[in-house]
Amino acid sequence: MNILLHVCCAPCAIYPIEELRKEGHQVAGLFYNPNIHPYSEYLRRRHEVEKYSKERGLNVIYDDYDAEKYFEYITYNEHDLKDRCPMCWWLRLEEAARFAKENGFDAFTTTLLGSPYQDHEVIKTLCEDISKRVGLAAYYKDFRPGFKAGQDKARAQGMYMQKYCGCLFSEKESIDRKAQKLKDKGQEKA
């Protein structure tokens, strides 16, 4: 099967690429992530995907950085993870499915199915819904069992390992968690 893999970042792509190839599929990637902020972070993650894809012989298509479209999708949902994240996933997965359909792929899938930090069942359901709307198969595989091994390989290769999902809000949440941990640590010492 010829599968288009939506790639969120290089470290998360390692295991899915290995698995899909091991199963005998042809795989190409699509890097479409207008949610990643700031723009310098987007460029850093894109560069890491470019470097990794060359090493692995993976053709990756780099779609436009359309931050305006991302913010349009999440407006009025930005404060609630239950609403914001699915809107973000939908935007990116719909683009992957549309691109795959227009370019002769048999199916689409995503590296998001490998993250233990994302709502796996919601992502799976979104893929199924988008598949019906676009008229292209969504290839489902639970990539989570290989997440840690993929992350370990990324570290061993010296890959850039981001500290937050990608959006402005997840960056803020990550910084706030770190600040709270430091504050809690300081209170323990007192």
N, C-alpha and C. Protein backbone atom coordinates (compact mmCIF):
# COMPACT_ATOMS: atom_id res chain seq x y z
N MET A 1 0.85 -1.17 0.00
CA MET A 1 0.00 0.00 0.00
C MET A 1 0.90 1.24 0.00
N ASN A 2 0.46 2.27 -0.70
CA ASN A 2 1.17 3.54 -0.76
C ASN A 2 0.53 4.48 0.26
N ILE A 3 1.24 4.77 1.35
CA ILE A 3 0.66 5.51 2.48
C ILE A 3 1.34 6.86 2.65
N LEU A 4 0.52 7.89 2.86
CA LEU A 4 1.03 9.21 3.22
C LEU A 4 0.98 9.32 4.74
N LEU A 5 2.12 9.59 5.34
CA LEU A 5 2.24 9.72 6.79
C LEU A 5 2.33 11.18 7.17
N HIS A 6 1.30 11.68 7.87
CA HIS A 6 1.41 13.04 8.40
C HIS A 6 2.48 13.00 9.49
N VAL A 7 3.48 13.87 9.38
CA VAL A 7 4.62 13.89 10.30
C VAL A 7 4.54 15.15 11.15
N CYS A 8 4.46 14.96 12.47
CA CYS A 8 4.44 16.12 13.36
C CYS A 8 5.85 16.58 13.72
N CYS A 9 6.80 15.63 13.79
CA CYS A 9 8.19 15.96 14.09
C CYS A 9 9.05 14.72 13.80
N ALA A 10 10.34 14.92 13.70
CA ALA A 10 11.24 13.82 13.36
C ALA A 10 11.26 12.71 14.43
N PRO A 11 11.42 13.04 15.72
CA PRO A 11 11.47 11.96 16.72
C PRO A 11 10.22 11.08 16.71
N CYS A 12 9.05 11.68 16.52
CA CYS A 12 7.81 10.90 16.52
C CYS A 12 7.62 10.11 15.23
N ALA A 13 8.38 10.42 14.20
CA ALA A 13 8.25 9.72 12.91
C ALA A 13 9.08 8.43 12.86
N ILE A 14 10.06 8.29 13.72
CA ILE A 14 10.99 7.17 13.64
C ILE A 14 10.28 5.82 13.65
N TYR A 15 9.53 5.56 14.68
CA TYR A 15 8.89 4.25 14.81
C TYR A 15 7.82 4.01 13.74
N PRO A 16 6.91 4.96 13.47
CA PRO A 16 5.92 4.71 12.42
C PRO A 16 6.54 4.41 11.06
N ILE A 17 7.58 5.12 10.70
CA ILE A 17 8.25 4.86 9.42
C ILE A 17 8.83 3.45 9.40
N GLU A 18 9.51 3.07 10.46
CA GLU A 18 10.08 1.72 10.55
C GLU A 18 8.99 0.67 10.45
N GLU A 19 7.90 0.84 11.17
CA GLU A 19 6.81 -0.14 11.18
C GLU A 19 6.14 -0.25 9.82
N LEU A 20 5.82 0.88 9.21
CA LEU A 20 5.15 0.85 7.92
C LEU A 20 6.02 0.20 6.85
N ARG A 21 7.30 0.52 6.88
CA ARG A 21 8.21 -0.10 5.90
C ARG A 21 8.37 -1.59 6.17
N LYS A 22 8.45 -1.96 7.45
CA LYS A 22 8.58 -3.37 7.81
C LYS A 22 7.36 -4.17 7.31
N GLU A 23 6.20 -3.54 7.31
CA GLU A 23 4.98 -4.18 6.82
C GLU A 23 4.92 -4.21 5.29
N GLY A 24 5.90 -3.59 4.63
CA GLY A 24 5.97 -3.62 3.17
C GLY A 24 5.28 -2.47 2.46
N HIS A 25 4.91 -1.44 3.19
CA HIS A 25 4.24 -0.30 2.58
C HIS A 25 5.26 0.68 1.99
N GLN A 26 4.83 1.38 0.94
CA GLN A 26 5.58 2.53 0.46
C GLN A 26 5.11 3.70 1.32
N VAL A 27 6.05 4.52 1.78
CA VAL A 27 5.69 5.60 2.68
C VAL A 27 6.30 6.90 2.18
N ALA A 28 5.49 7.94 2.20
CA ALA A 28 5.96 9.31 1.98
C ALA A 28 5.41 10.12 3.15
N GLY A 29 6.05 11.23 3.44
CA GLY A 29 5.62 12.06 4.56
C GLY A 29 5.03 13.38 4.11
N LEU A 30 4.20 13.95 4.96
CA LEU A 30 3.68 15.29 4.78
C LEU A 30 3.92 16.04 6.08
N PHE A 31 4.68 17.12 5.99
CA PHE A 31 4.93 17.97 7.15
C PHE A 31 4.01 19.17 7.01
N TYR A 32 2.87 19.10 7.68
CA TYR A 32 1.91 20.20 7.68
C TYR A 32 1.52 20.44 9.13
N ASN A 33 2.08 21.50 9.70
CA ASN A 33 1.91 21.77 11.12
C ASN A 33 1.86 23.27 11.38
N PRO A 34 0.79 23.94 10.94
CA PRO A 34 0.70 25.39 11.16
C PRO A 34 0.43 25.75 12.61
N ASN A 35 0.27 24.74 13.46
CA ASN A 35 0.05 24.94 14.89
C ASN A 35 1.34 25.26 15.64
N ILE A 36 2.49 24.95 15.05
CA ILE A 36 3.76 25.08 15.78
C ILE A 36 4.16 26.55 15.89
N HIS A 37 4.40 26.97 17.12
CA HIS A 37 4.79 28.35 17.41
C HIS A 37 5.89 28.38 18.43
N PRO A 38 6.74 29.34 18.42
CA PRO A 38 6.84 30.40 17.42
C PRO A 38 7.35 29.86 16.08
N TYR A 39 7.41 30.74 15.10
CA TYR A 39 7.85 30.34 13.77
C TYR A 39 9.26 29.75 13.80
N SER A 40 10.11 30.25 14.67
CA SER A 40 11.47 29.71 14.79
C SER A 40 11.42 28.24 15.24
N GLU A 41 10.47 27.88 16.09
CA GLU A 41 10.30 26.49 16.52
C GLU A 41 9.84 25.63 15.33
N TYR A 42 8.92 26.17 14.55
CA TYR A 42 8.46 25.47 13.35
C TYR A 42 9.65 25.17 12.43
N LEU A 43 10.46 26.19 12.19
CA LEU A 43 11.62 26.01 11.30
C LEU A 43 12.60 24.99 11.86
N ARG A 44 12.79 25.01 13.16
CA ARG A 44 13.71 24.06 13.79
C ARG A 44 13.20 22.62 13.64
N ARG A 45 11.92 22.40 13.85
CA ARG A 45 11.34 21.06 13.70
C ARG A 45 11.35 20.63 12.23
N ARG A 46 11.05 21.56 11.34
CA ARG A 46 11.07 21.24 9.91
C ARG A 46 12.48 20.84 9.48
N HIS A 47 13.46 21.59 9.94
CA HIS A 47 14.85 21.27 9.60
C HIS A 47 15.22 19.87 10.07
N GLU A 48 14.78 19.50 11.25
CA GLU A 48 15.08 18.17 11.78
C GLU A 48 14.41 17.08 10.94
N VAL A 49 13.19 17.34 10.48
CA VAL A 49 12.50 16.39 9.60
C VAL A 49 13.24 16.29 8.26
N GLU A 50 13.68 17.42 7.74
CA GLU A 50 14.43 17.41 6.47
C GLU A 50 15.69 16.57 6.59
N LYS A 51 16.41 16.77 7.68
CA LYS A 51 17.65 16.04 7.92
C LYS A 51 17.38 14.54 8.06
N TYR A 52 16.40 14.19 8.87
CA TYR A 52 16.09 12.78 9.11
C TYR A 52 15.57 12.11 7.84
N SER A 53 14.72 12.79 7.11
CA SER A 53 14.15 12.17 5.91
C SER A 53 15.22 11.89 4.86
N LYS A 54 16.22 12.75 4.77
CA LYS A 54 17.34 12.49 3.83
C LYS A 54 18.11 11.25 4.27
N GLU A 55 18.36 11.14 5.56
CA GLU A 55 19.08 9.97 6.09
C GLU A 55 18.32 8.67 5.84
N ARG A 56 17.00 8.72 5.93
CA ARG A 56 16.16 7.52 5.81
C ARG A 56 15.63 7.29 4.40
N GLY A 57 15.94 8.21 3.47
CA GLY A 57 15.44 8.06 2.11
C GLY A 57 13.93 8.18 2.02
N LEU A 58 13.38 9.08 2.80
CA LEU A 58 11.93 9.29 2.84
C LEU A 58 11.59 10.58 2.12
N ASN A 59 10.72 10.49 1.14
CA ASN A 59 10.23 11.68 0.47
C ASN A 59 9.23 12.37 1.39
N VAL A 60 9.48 13.63 1.70
CA VAL A 60 8.57 14.40 2.55
C VAL A 60 8.15 15.65 1.80
N ILE A 61 6.86 15.91 1.81
CA ILE A 61 6.30 17.11 1.22
C ILE A 61 6.13 18.11 2.35
N TYR A 62 6.51 19.35 2.09
CA TYR A 62 6.42 20.40 3.11
C TYR A 62 5.34 21.39 2.66
N ASP A 63 4.20 21.32 3.34
CA ASP A 63 3.08 22.19 3.01
C ASP A 63 3.32 23.57 3.62
N ASP A 64 2.52 24.53 3.20
CA ASP A 64 2.66 25.90 3.67
C ASP A 64 2.51 26.01 5.18
N TYR A 65 3.19 26.99 5.73
CA TYR A 65 3.01 27.33 7.14
C TYR A 65 1.87 28.33 7.19
N ASP A 66 0.69 27.85 7.51
CA ASP A 66 -0.52 28.65 7.44
C ASP A 66 -1.06 28.91 8.84
N ALA A 67 -0.31 29.72 9.59
CA ALA A 67 -0.69 29.99 10.99
C ALA A 67 -2.07 30.64 11.08
N GLU A 68 -2.41 31.47 10.11
CA GLU A 68 -3.71 32.14 10.14
C GLU A 68 -4.85 31.10 10.13
N LYS A 69 -4.71 30.08 9.29
CA LYS A 69 -5.74 29.04 9.20
C LYS A 69 -5.85 28.28 10.53
N TYR A 70 -4.70 28.00 11.15
CA TYR A 70 -4.70 27.33 12.45
C TYR A 70 -5.50 28.14 13.47
N PHE A 71 -5.21 29.44 13.56
CA PHE A 71 -5.90 30.26 14.56
C PHE A 71 -7.39 30.40 14.23
N GLU A 72 -7.75 30.42 12.95
CA GLU A 72 -9.17 30.43 12.58
C GLU A 72 -9.86 29.16 13.09
N TYR A 73 -9.20 28.03 12.97
CA TYR A 73 -9.79 26.75 13.39
C TYR A 73 -10.01 26.68 14.90
N ILE A 74 -9.10 27.22 15.65
CA ILE A 74 -9.20 27.04 17.11
C ILE A 74 -9.85 28.22 17.83
N THR A 75 -10.15 29.30 17.12
CA THR A 75 -10.74 30.47 17.77
C THR A 75 -12.00 30.06 18.54
N TYR A 76 -12.09 30.55 19.75
CA TYR A 76 -13.16 30.26 20.72
C TYR A 76 -13.02 28.87 21.34
N ASN A 77 -11.98 28.14 21.00
CA ASN A 77 -11.73 26.83 21.58
C ASN A 77 -10.34 26.77 22.22
N GLU A 78 -9.64 27.88 22.21
CA GLU A 78 -8.24 27.86 22.61
C GLU A 78 -8.00 27.58 24.09
N HIS A 79 -8.98 27.79 24.95
CA HIS A 79 -8.76 27.61 26.38
C HIS A 79 -9.07 26.22 26.90
N ASP A 80 -9.68 25.40 26.08
CA ASP A 80 -10.10 24.07 26.53
C ASP A 80 -9.43 23.00 25.68
N LEU A 81 -8.56 22.20 26.29
CA LEU A 81 -7.86 21.13 25.57
C LEU A 81 -8.82 20.19 24.86
N LYS A 82 -9.98 19.93 25.47
CA LYS A 82 -10.94 19.01 24.88
C LYS A 82 -11.45 19.52 23.54
N ASP A 83 -11.39 20.83 23.33
CA ASP A 83 -11.85 21.43 22.07
C ASP A 83 -10.67 21.83 21.18
N ARG A 84 -9.66 22.44 21.78
CA ARG A 84 -8.55 22.98 20.99
C ARG A 84 -7.77 21.90 20.28
N CYS A 85 -7.36 20.87 20.98
CA CYS A 85 -6.52 19.84 20.36
C CYS A 85 -7.23 19.11 19.22
N PRO A 86 -8.47 18.66 19.40
CA PRO A 86 -9.14 18.01 18.27
C PRO A 86 -9.29 18.92 17.05
N MET A 87 -9.52 20.19 17.26
CA MET A 87 -9.61 21.12 16.13
C MET A 87 -8.28 21.19 15.39
N CYS A 88 -7.20 21.22 16.12
CA CYS A 88 -5.86 21.25 15.55
C CYS A 88 -5.57 19.95 14.79
N TRP A 89 -5.89 18.83 15.41
CA TRP A 89 -5.66 17.54 14.76
C TRP A 89 -6.48 17.45 13.47
N TRP A 90 -7.74 17.88 13.54
CA TRP A 90 -8.62 17.81 12.37
C TRP A 90 -8.01 18.61 11.22
N LEU A 91 -7.59 19.81 11.48
CA LEU A 91 -6.99 20.66 10.44
C LEU A 91 -5.86 19.94 9.74
N ARG A 92 -4.94 19.39 10.51
CA ARG A 92 -3.75 18.76 9.94
C ARG A 92 -4.07 17.43 9.26
N LEU A 93 -4.95 16.64 9.85
CA LEU A 93 -5.29 15.35 9.27
C LEU A 93 -6.14 15.49 8.01
N GLU A 94 -7.03 16.46 8.00
CA GLU A 94 -7.83 16.69 6.81
C GLU A 94 -6.93 17.11 5.64
N GLU A 95 -5.96 17.95 5.91
CA GLU A 95 -5.01 18.36 4.87
C GLU A 95 -4.22 17.15 4.37
N ALA A 96 -3.80 16.27 5.26
CA ALA A 96 -3.06 15.07 4.86
C ALA A 96 -3.94 14.17 3.98
N ALA A 97 -5.18 13.97 4.37
CA ALA A 97 -6.09 13.12 3.60
C ALA A 97 -6.37 13.73 2.23
N ARG A 98 -6.62 15.02 2.21
CA ARG A 98 -6.89 15.70 0.95
C ARG A 98 -5.69 15.59 0.01
N PHE A 99 -4.49 15.86 0.54
CA PHE A 99 -3.27 15.78 -0.27
C PHE A 99 -3.06 14.34 -0.76
N ALA A 100 -3.26 13.38 0.11
CA ALA A 100 -3.08 11.97 -0.27
C ALA A 100 -4.04 11.58 -1.38
N LYS A 101 -5.28 11.98 -1.27
CA LYS A 101 -6.30 11.66 -2.28
C LYS A 101 -5.92 12.29 -3.62
N GLU A 102 -5.53 13.56 -3.60
CA GLU A 102 -5.20 14.28 -4.84
C GLU A 102 -3.92 13.77 -5.50
N ASN A 103 -3.09 13.06 -4.74
CA ASN A 103 -1.79 12.63 -5.27
C ASN A 103 -1.65 11.11 -5.38
N GLY A 104 -2.76 10.42 -5.40
CA GLY A 104 -2.75 9.00 -5.72
C GLY A 104 -2.30 8.04 -4.64
N PHE A 105 -2.32 8.46 -3.39
CA PHE A 105 -1.99 7.55 -2.29
C PHE A 105 -3.18 6.63 -2.03
N ASP A 106 -2.90 5.48 -1.45
CA ASP A 106 -3.96 4.52 -1.11
C ASP A 106 -4.58 4.83 0.25
N ALA A 107 -3.82 5.49 1.12
CA ALA A 107 -4.29 5.74 2.49
C ALA A 107 -3.43 6.84 3.12
N PHE A 108 -3.91 7.34 4.25
CA PHE A 108 -3.14 8.29 5.04
C PHE A 108 -3.13 7.81 6.48
N THR A 109 -2.12 8.25 7.22
CA THR A 109 -2.04 7.99 8.66
C THR A 109 -1.23 9.12 9.27
N THR A 110 -0.94 9.02 10.56
CA THR A 110 -0.26 10.12 11.25
C THR A 110 0.64 9.62 12.37
N THR A 111 1.70 10.34 12.59
CA THR A 111 2.59 10.06 13.72
C THR A 111 1.89 10.37 15.04
N LEU A 112 0.83 11.15 15.01
CA LEU A 112 0.09 11.45 16.24
C LEU A 112 -0.44 10.20 16.91
N LEU A 113 -0.63 9.12 16.12
CA LEU A 113 -1.10 7.85 16.68
C LEU A 113 -0.02 7.15 17.51
N GLY A 114 1.15 7.74 17.60
CA GLY A 114 2.21 7.16 18.40
C GLY A 114 2.46 7.86 19.72
N SER A 115 1.85 8.99 19.91
CA SER A 115 2.13 9.78 21.11
C SER A 115 1.27 9.36 22.29
N PRO A 116 1.91 9.05 23.41
CA PRO A 116 1.14 8.76 24.63
C PRO A 116 0.58 10.04 25.26
N TYR A 117 0.95 11.20 24.72
CA TYR A 117 0.50 12.48 25.28
C TYR A 117 -0.74 13.03 24.58
N GLN A 118 -1.15 12.39 23.48
CA GLN A 118 -2.33 12.84 22.74
C GLN A 118 -3.48 11.87 23.03
N ASP A 119 -4.70 12.30 22.77
CA ASP A 119 -5.88 11.45 22.98
C ASP A 119 -6.02 10.52 21.78
N HIS A 120 -5.49 9.32 21.93
CA HIS A 120 -5.40 8.35 20.85
C HIS A 120 -6.78 8.04 20.24
N GLU A 121 -7.77 7.81 21.07
CA GLU A 121 -9.09 7.43 20.57
C GLU A 121 -9.72 8.56 19.76
N VAL A 122 -9.53 9.80 20.19
CA VAL A 122 -10.08 10.93 19.44
C VAL A 122 -9.38 11.04 18.08
N ILE A 123 -8.06 10.87 18.07
CA ILE A 123 -7.33 10.94 16.80
C ILE A 123 -7.78 9.82 15.86
N LYS A 124 -7.95 8.64 16.39
CA LYS A 124 -8.42 7.51 15.57
C LYS A 124 -9.80 7.82 14.99
N THR A 125 -10.70 8.34 15.80
CA THR A 125 -12.05 8.68 15.33
C THR A 125 -12.00 9.79 14.28
N LEU A 126 -11.16 10.79 14.50
CA LEU A 126 -11.02 11.86 13.51
C LEU A 126 -10.54 11.30 12.17
N CYS A 127 -9.56 10.41 12.21
CA CYS A 127 -9.06 9.79 10.98
C CYS A 127 -10.18 9.05 10.26
N GLU A 128 -10.98 8.32 11.00
CA GLU A 128 -12.11 7.58 10.40
C GLU A 128 -13.12 8.54 9.78
N ASP A 129 -13.46 9.62 10.48
CA ASP A 129 -14.42 10.60 9.97
C ASP A 129 -13.89 11.31 8.72
N ILE A 130 -12.64 11.71 8.77
CA ILE A 130 -12.02 12.38 7.62
C ILE A 130 -11.94 11.43 6.43
N SER A 131 -11.63 10.18 6.70
CA SER A 131 -11.57 9.16 5.65
C SER A 131 -12.89 9.11 4.88
N LYS A 132 -14.00 9.09 5.59
CA LYS A 132 -15.32 9.06 4.97
C LYS A 132 -15.59 10.33 4.17
N ARG A 133 -15.25 11.47 4.73
CA ARG A 133 -15.49 12.75 4.06
C ARG A 133 -14.68 12.89 2.78
N VAL A 134 -13.41 12.48 2.84
CA VAL A 134 -12.50 12.67 1.71
C VAL A 134 -12.60 11.52 0.70
N GLY A 135 -12.99 10.35 1.18
CA GLY A 135 -13.08 9.18 0.30
C GLY A 135 -11.75 8.50 0.09
N LEU A 136 -10.97 8.43 1.14
CA LEU A 136 -9.67 7.77 1.10
C LEU A 136 -9.48 7.02 2.42
N ALA A 137 -8.91 5.83 2.34
CA ALA A 137 -8.73 5.02 3.54
C ALA A 137 -7.80 5.69 4.55
N ALA A 138 -8.16 5.56 5.80
CA ALA A 138 -7.26 5.96 6.90
C ALA A 138 -6.61 4.66 7.37
N TYR A 139 -5.28 4.64 7.35
CA TYR A 139 -4.57 3.44 7.80
C TYR A 139 -4.36 3.58 9.30
N TYR A 140 -4.99 2.67 10.05
CA TYR A 140 -4.87 2.74 11.50
C TYR A 140 -3.83 1.74 12.01
N LYS A 141 -2.98 2.25 12.87
CA LYS A 141 -2.05 1.40 13.63
C LYS A 141 -1.74 2.15 14.91
N ASP A 142 -1.75 1.44 16.01
CA ASP A 142 -1.37 2.03 17.29
C ASP A 142 0.16 2.01 17.35
N PHE A 143 0.77 3.16 17.13
CA PHE A 143 2.23 3.28 17.12
C PHE A 143 2.79 3.52 18.52
N ARG A 144 1.94 3.63 19.53
CA ARG A 144 2.41 3.95 20.89
C ARG A 144 3.41 2.95 21.46
N PRO A 145 3.28 1.64 21.15
CA PRO A 145 4.26 0.71 21.73
C PRO A 145 5.71 1.03 21.36
N GLY A 146 5.93 1.72 20.27
CA GLY A 146 7.30 2.04 19.85
C GLY A 146 7.73 3.46 20.17
N PHE A 147 6.88 4.19 20.90
CA PHE A 147 7.19 5.60 21.18
C PHE A 147 8.52 5.76 21.92
N LYS A 148 8.69 5.04 23.01
CA LYS A 148 9.91 5.19 23.81
C LYS A 148 11.15 4.80 23.01
N ALA A 149 11.07 3.70 22.27
CA ALA A 149 12.21 3.27 21.46
C ALA A 149 12.56 4.32 20.41
N GLY A 150 11.54 4.91 19.81
CA GLY A 150 11.77 5.97 18.83
C GLY A 150 12.42 7.19 19.46
N GLN A 151 11.94 7.55 20.65
CA GLN A 151 12.53 8.69 21.36
C GLN A 151 13.97 8.41 21.76
N ASP A 152 14.24 7.17 22.19
CA ASP A 152 15.62 6.79 22.54
C ASP A 152 16.54 6.88 21.33
N LYS A 153 16.05 6.43 20.17
CA LYS A 153 16.85 6.52 18.94
C LYS A 153 17.11 7.98 18.57
N ALA A 154 16.10 8.80 18.74
CA ALA A 154 16.25 10.23 18.44
C ALA A 154 17.33 10.85 19.33
N ARG A 155 17.30 10.55 20.61
CA ARG A 155 18.33 11.07 21.53
C ARG A 155 19.72 10.57 21.13
N ALA A 156 19.82 9.27 20.81
CA ALA A 156 21.10 8.68 20.43
C ALA A 156 21.66 9.32 19.16
N GLN A 157 20.76 9.78 18.29
CA GLN A 157 21.19 10.42 17.05
C GLN A 157 21.40 11.92 17.21
N GLY A 158 21.16 12.43 18.41
CA GLY A 158 21.35 13.85 18.67
C GLY A 158 20.28 14.74 18.05
N MET A 159 19.10 14.19 17.85
CA MET A 159 18.00 14.96 17.27
C MET A 159 17.50 16.00 18.25
N TYR A 160 16.97 17.07 17.69
CA TYR A 160 16.31 18.07 18.51
C TYR A 160 15.02 17.45 19.08
N MET A 161 14.87 17.55 20.38
CA MET A 161 13.70 17.00 21.07
C MET A 161 12.92 18.17 21.69
N GLN A 162 11.80 18.48 21.10
CA GLN A 162 11.01 19.61 21.57
C GLN A 162 10.44 19.35 22.95
N LYS A 163 10.11 20.43 23.63
CA LYS A 163 9.64 20.33 25.02
C LYS A 163 8.14 20.53 25.17
N TYR A 164 7.43 20.72 24.05
CA TYR A 164 5.98 20.90 24.09
C TYR A 164 5.40 20.49 22.76
N CYS A 165 4.09 20.25 22.75
CA CYS A 165 3.40 19.72 21.57
C CYS A 165 3.65 20.57 20.34
N GLY A 166 3.55 21.86 20.48
CA GLY A 166 3.81 22.71 19.33
C GLY A 166 3.12 24.05 19.36
N CYS A 167 1.89 24.10 19.83
CA CYS A 167 1.16 25.36 19.75
C CYS A 167 1.59 26.32 20.87
N LEU A 168 1.21 27.54 20.66
CA LEU A 168 1.50 28.61 21.62
C LEU A 168 0.97 28.26 23.00
N PHE A 169 -0.20 27.65 23.04
CA PHE A 169 -0.84 27.32 24.31
C PHE A 169 -0.12 26.18 25.02
N SER A 170 0.32 25.17 24.25
CA SER A 170 1.04 24.06 24.87
C SER A 170 2.41 24.53 25.36
N GLU A 171 3.01 25.48 24.66
CA GLU A 171 4.28 26.04 25.13
C GLU A 171 4.07 26.74 26.48
N LYS A 172 3.02 27.54 26.56
CA LYS A 172 2.72 28.25 27.82
C LYS A 172 2.46 27.25 28.94
N GLU A 173 1.68 26.21 28.66
CA GLU A 173 1.39 25.19 29.67
C GLU A 173 2.66 24.49 30.13
N SER A 174 3.57 24.22 29.21
CA SER A 174 4.84 23.58 29.56
C SER A 174 5.68 24.49 30.46
N ILE A 175 5.75 25.76 30.13
CA ILE A 175 6.51 26.71 30.94
C ILE A 175 5.87 26.86 32.32
N ASP A 176 4.54 26.92 32.36
CA ASP A 176 3.84 27.04 33.64
C ASP A 176 4.09 25.81 34.53
N ARG A 177 4.09 24.61 33.92
CA ARG A 177 4.36 23.38 34.71
C ARG A 177 5.76 23.42 35.30
N LYS A 178 6.73 23.83 34.49
CA LYS A 178 8.12 23.92 34.98
C LYS A 178 8.22 24.93 36.13
N ALA A 179 7.58 26.06 35.97
CA ALA A 179 7.60 27.09 37.02
C ALA A 179 6.96 26.56 38.30
N GLN A 180 5.86 25.83 38.16
CA GLN A 180 5.19 25.27 39.34
C GLN A 180 6.07 24.24 40.03
N LYS A 181 6.77 23.41 39.26
CA LYS A 181 7.68 22.42 39.84
C LYS A 181 8.79 23.11 40.62
N LEU A 182 9.34 24.17 40.05
CA LEU A 182 10.40 24.92 40.75
C LEU A 182 9.86 25.54 42.04
N LYS A 183 8.65 26.08 41.94
CA LYS A 183 8.03 26.68 43.12
C LYS A 183 7.80 25.62 44.21
N ASP A 184 7.27 24.45 43.79
CA ASP A 184 7.02 23.37 44.73
C ASP A 184 8.32 22.89 45.37
N LYS A 185 9.37 22.80 44.56
CA LYS A 185 10.68 22.38 45.07
C LYS A 185 11.21 23.37 46.11
N GLY A 186 11.02 24.65 45.83
CA GLY A 186 11.45 25.68 46.75
C GLY A 186 10.72 25.62 48.06
N GLN A 187 9.44 25.28 48.03
CA GLN A 187 8.63 25.17 49.23
C GLN A 187 9.03 23.95 50.05
N GLU A 188 9.47 22.87 49.35
CA GLU A 188 9.93 21.68 50.05
C GLU A 188 11.18 21.97 50.87
N LYS A 189 12.05 22.80 50.33
CA LYS A 189 13.31 23.10 51.00
C LYS A 189 13.09 24.00 52.22
N ALA A 190 12.05 24.80 52.19
CA ALA A 190 11.81 25.77 53.26
C ALA A 190 11.36 25.13 54.54
